[in-house]
Amino acid sequence: MKGISVISRRKFIELGALAATLPFLGQGGLVAPASAAVDKVPVNDPAAAALKYVEVASDASRADKMGVAGSEQICGNCRFYKDSETPEWGGCALFQNRLVAKQGWCMGWVPTA
């Protein structure tokens, strides 16, 4: 079996640990505090369009989800929403903690635990 290199167990574990951290290096926005978010999610943003994000929840057609009436679903009571220094806006993990309207809504809405 020529051409196959042998790697030690220790080196394999070191490389595995390094590889496990790589996905997090470019995703700092996912773990940054909501106060670090400075820009609002534009409604015409591709991610916002894909999730049908609106800044006013009543503008969206919202079906009942996970035992919560559609009329009660807003960003402010979603698991992904984090309060910020601005009372009517907060960071959203679905949008890399960019700001979303507290009274907004998107298809990714999940109730808080």
C-alpha atoms as a PDB file:
ATOM      1  CA  MET A   1       0.000   0.000   0.000  1.00  0.00           C
ATOM      2  CA  LYS A   2       2.333   2.662  -1.204  1.00  0.00           C
ATOM      3  CA  GLY A   3       1.269   6.294  -1.070  1.00  0.00           C
ATOM      4  CA  ILE A   4      -0.794   5.979   2.115  1.00  0.00           C
ATOM      5  CA  SER A   5       0.543   8.089   4.944  1.00  0.00           C
ATOM      6  CA  VAL A   6       0.191   6.958   8.520  1.00  0.00           C
ATOM      7  CA  ILE A   7      -0.979   9.445  11.128  1.00  0.00           C
ATOM      8  CA  SER A   8      -0.553   9.000  14.855  1.00  0.00           C
ATOM      9  CA  ARG A   9      -3.563   8.789  17.144  1.00  0.00           C
ATOM     10  CA  ARG A  10      -2.476  11.973  18.933  1.00  0.00           C
ATOM     11  CA  LYS A  11      -2.215  13.914  15.660  1.00  0.00           C
ATOM     12  CA  PHE A  12      -5.592  12.551  14.551  1.00  0.00           C
ATOM     13  CA  ILE A  13      -7.242  13.799  17.765  1.00  0.00           C
ATOM     14  CA  GLU A  14      -5.553  17.211  17.457  1.00  0.00           C
ATOM     15  CA  LEU A  15      -6.746  17.599  13.872  1.00  0.00           C
ATOM     16  CA  GLY A  16     -10.243  16.437  14.823  1.00  0.00           C
ATOM     17  CA  ALA A  17     -10.474  18.998  17.608  1.00  0.00           C
ATOM     18  CA  LEU A  18      -9.300  21.732  15.254  1.00  0.00           C
ATOM     19  CA  ALA A  19     -11.764  20.682  12.566  1.00  0.00           C
ATOM     20  CA  ALA A  20     -14.614  20.763  15.084  1.00  0.00           C
ATOM     21  CA  THR A  21     -13.950  24.446  15.821  1.00  0.00           C
ATOM     22  CA  LEU A  22     -13.741  25.603  12.193  1.00  0.00           C
ATOM     23  CA  PRO A  23     -17.485  26.062  11.612  1.00  0.00           C
ATOM     24  CA  PHE A  24     -17.630  28.506  14.521  1.00  0.00           C
ATOM     25  CA  LEU A  25     -14.803  30.760  13.348  1.00  0.00           C
ATOM     26  CA  GLY A  26     -16.797  32.367  10.550  1.00  0.00           C
ATOM     27  CA  GLN A  27     -20.072  32.382  12.471  1.00  0.00           C
ATOM     28  CA  GLY A  28     -19.292  34.942  15.151  1.00  0.00           C
ATOM     29  CA  GLY A  29     -22.662  36.591  14.556  1.00  0.00           C
ATOM     30  CA  LEU A  30     -24.478  33.528  15.814  1.00  0.00           C
ATOM     31  CA  VAL A  31     -22.990  33.776  19.274  1.00  0.00           C
ATOM     32  CA  ALA A  32     -22.465  37.525  19.535  1.00  0.00           C
ATOM     33  CA  PRO A  33     -24.660  39.383  22.009  1.00  0.00           C
ATOM     34  CA  ALA A  34     -27.724  41.087  20.554  1.00  0.00           C
ATOM     35  CA  SER A  35     -26.306  44.480  21.521  1.00  0.00           C
ATOM     36  CA  ALA A  36     -23.513  43.881  18.993  1.00  0.00           C
ATOM     37  CA  ALA A  37     -26.079  43.890  16.175  1.00  0.00           C
ATOM     38  CA  VAL A  38     -26.140  47.282  14.543  1.00  0.00           C
ATOM     39  CA  ASP A  39     -28.008  46.940  11.272  1.00  0.00           C
ATOM     40  CA  LYS A  40     -31.644  46.113  10.705  1.00  0.00           C
ATOM     41  CA  VAL A  41     -32.631  43.216   8.478  1.00  0.00           C
ATOM     42  CA  PRO A  42     -33.910  44.757   5.238  1.00  0.00           C
ATOM     43  CA  VAL A  43     -37.247  43.270   4.174  1.00  0.00           C
ATOM     44  CA  ASN A  44     -35.799  42.682   0.684  1.00  0.00           C
ATOM     45  CA  ASP A  45     -32.860  40.681   2.102  1.00  0.00           C
ATOM     46  CA  PRO A  46     -32.726  37.171   0.516  1.00  0.00           C
ATOM     47  CA  ALA A  47     -32.836  35.455   3.925  1.00  0.00           C
ATOM     48  CA  ALA A  48     -35.729  37.677   5.023  1.00  0.00           C
ATOM     49  CA  ALA A  49     -37.604  36.927   1.815  1.00  0.00           C
ATOM     50  CA  ALA A  50     -37.027  33.187   2.228  1.00  0.00           C
ATOM     51  CA  LEU A  51     -38.439  33.316   5.772  1.00  0.00           C
ATOM     52  CA  LYS A  52     -41.197  35.783   4.750  1.00  0.00           C
ATOM     53  CA  TYR A  53     -40.034  38.286   7.390  1.00  0.00           C
ATOM     54  CA  VAL A  54     -42.244  41.331   7.949  1.00  0.00           C
ATOM     55  CA  GLU A  55     -41.716  44.212  10.376  1.00  0.00           C
ATOM     56  CA  VAL A  56     -45.400  44.243  11.366  1.00  0.00           C
ATOM     57  CA  ALA A  57     -46.690  40.777  12.230  1.00  0.00           C
ATOM     58  CA  SER A  58     -50.290  41.580  11.331  1.00  0.00           C
ATOM     59  CA  ASP A  59     -49.138  42.054   7.711  1.00  0.00           C
ATOM     60  CA  ALA A  60     -48.346  38.318   7.498  1.00  0.00           C
ATOM     61  CA  SER A  61     -50.635  35.344   7.150  1.00  0.00           C
ATOM     62  CA  ARG A  62     -49.766  33.386  10.302  1.00  0.00           C
ATOM     63  CA  ALA A  63     -51.070  29.895  10.959  1.00  0.00           C
ATOM     64  CA  ASP A  64     -51.354  28.486  14.462  1.00  0.00           C
ATOM     65  CA  LYS A  65     -48.057  26.855  15.359  1.00  0.00           C
ATOM     66  CA  MET A  66     -46.984  24.647  18.271  1.00  0.00           C
ATOM     67  CA  GLY A  67     -50.123  25.423  20.240  1.00  0.00           C
ATOM     68  CA  VAL A  68     -49.806  29.209  19.822  1.00  0.00           C
ATOM     69  CA  ALA A  69     -52.392  31.159  17.853  1.00  0.00           C
ATOM     70  CA  GLY A  70     -51.018  32.891  14.776  1.00  0.00           C
ATOM     71  CA  SER A  71     -52.237  36.246  16.066  1.00  0.00           C
ATOM     72  CA  GLU A  72     -50.000  35.867  19.143  1.00  0.00           C
ATOM     73  CA  GLN A  73     -46.787  35.078  17.232  1.00  0.00           C
ATOM     74  CA  ILE A  74     -44.324  37.993  17.105  1.00  0.00           C
ATOM     75  CA  CYS A  75     -40.551  38.237  17.067  1.00  0.00           C
ATOM     76  CA  GLY A  76     -40.633  39.468  20.667  1.00  0.00           C
ATOM     77  CA  ASN A  77     -41.876  36.085  21.928  1.00  0.00           C
ATOM     78  CA  CYS A  78     -39.734  33.910  19.640  1.00  0.00           C
ATOM     79  CA  ARG A  79     -36.926  31.671  20.886  1.00  0.00           C
ATOM     80  CA  PHE A  80     -34.456  33.267  18.435  1.00  0.00           C
ATOM     81  CA  TYR A  81     -35.129  36.879  19.530  1.00  0.00           C
ATOM     82  CA  LYS A  82     -32.762  38.663  21.930  1.00  0.00           C
ATOM     83  CA  ASP A  83     -33.556  42.053  23.474  1.00  0.00           C
ATOM     84  CA  SER A  84     -31.242  44.907  22.547  1.00  0.00           C
ATOM     85  CA  GLU A  85     -30.622  48.445  23.746  1.00  0.00           C
ATOM     86  CA  THR A  86     -33.340  49.633  21.351  1.00  0.00           C
ATOM     87  CA  PRO A  87     -36.730  48.747  22.880  1.00  0.00           C
ATOM     88  CA  GLU A  88     -38.600  48.002  19.632  1.00  0.00           C
ATOM     89  CA  TRP A  89     -35.770  46.079  17.949  1.00  0.00           C
ATOM     90  CA  GLY A  90     -33.732  43.040  18.922  1.00  0.00           C
ATOM     91  CA  GLY A  91     -31.194  40.613  17.540  1.00  0.00           C
ATOM     92  CA  CYS A  92     -32.335  37.447  15.800  1.00  0.00           C
ATOM     93  CA  ALA A  93     -30.189  34.317  15.606  1.00  0.00           C
ATOM     94  CA  LEU A  94     -31.811  33.393  12.279  1.00  0.00           C
ATOM     95  CA  PHE A  95     -30.391  36.589  10.770  1.00  0.00           C
ATOM     96  CA  GLN A  96     -26.923  36.453  12.400  1.00  0.00           C
ATOM     97  CA  ASN A  97     -28.174  38.700  15.235  1.00  0.00           C
ATOM     98  CA  ARG A  98     -29.039  41.581  12.947  1.00  0.00           C
ATOM     99  CA  LEU A  99     -31.932  43.646  14.273  1.00  0.00           C
ATOM    100  CA  VAL A 100     -35.545  42.648  13.672  1.00  0.00           C
ATOM    101  CA  ALA A 101     -38.702  44.450  14.759  1.00  0.00           C
ATOM    102  CA  LYS A 102     -40.032  43.226  18.098  1.00  0.00           C
ATOM    103  CA  GLN A 103     -43.548  43.308  16.596  1.00  0.00           C
ATOM    104  CA  GLY A 104     -42.351  41.545  13.426  1.00  0.00           C
ATOM    105  CA  TRP A 105     -42.731  37.920  12.343  1.00  0.00           C
ATOM    106  CA  CYS A 106     -41.148  35.291  10.084  1.00  0.00           C
ATOM    107  CA  MET A 107     -41.773  31.636   9.235  1.00  0.00           C
ATOM    108  CA  GLY A 108     -38.928  30.607  11.533  1.00  0.00           C
ATOM    109  CA  TRP A 109     -40.913  31.653  14.609  1.00  0.00           C
ATOM    110  CA  VAL A 110     -40.603  29.188  17.519  1.00  0.00           C
ATOM    111  CA  PRO A 111     -42.116  29.819  20.971  1.00  0.00           C
ATOM    112  CA  THR A 112     -39.805  30.502  23.880  1.00  0.00           C
ATOM    113  CA  ALA A 113     -39.301  27.593  26.235  1.00  0.00           C
END
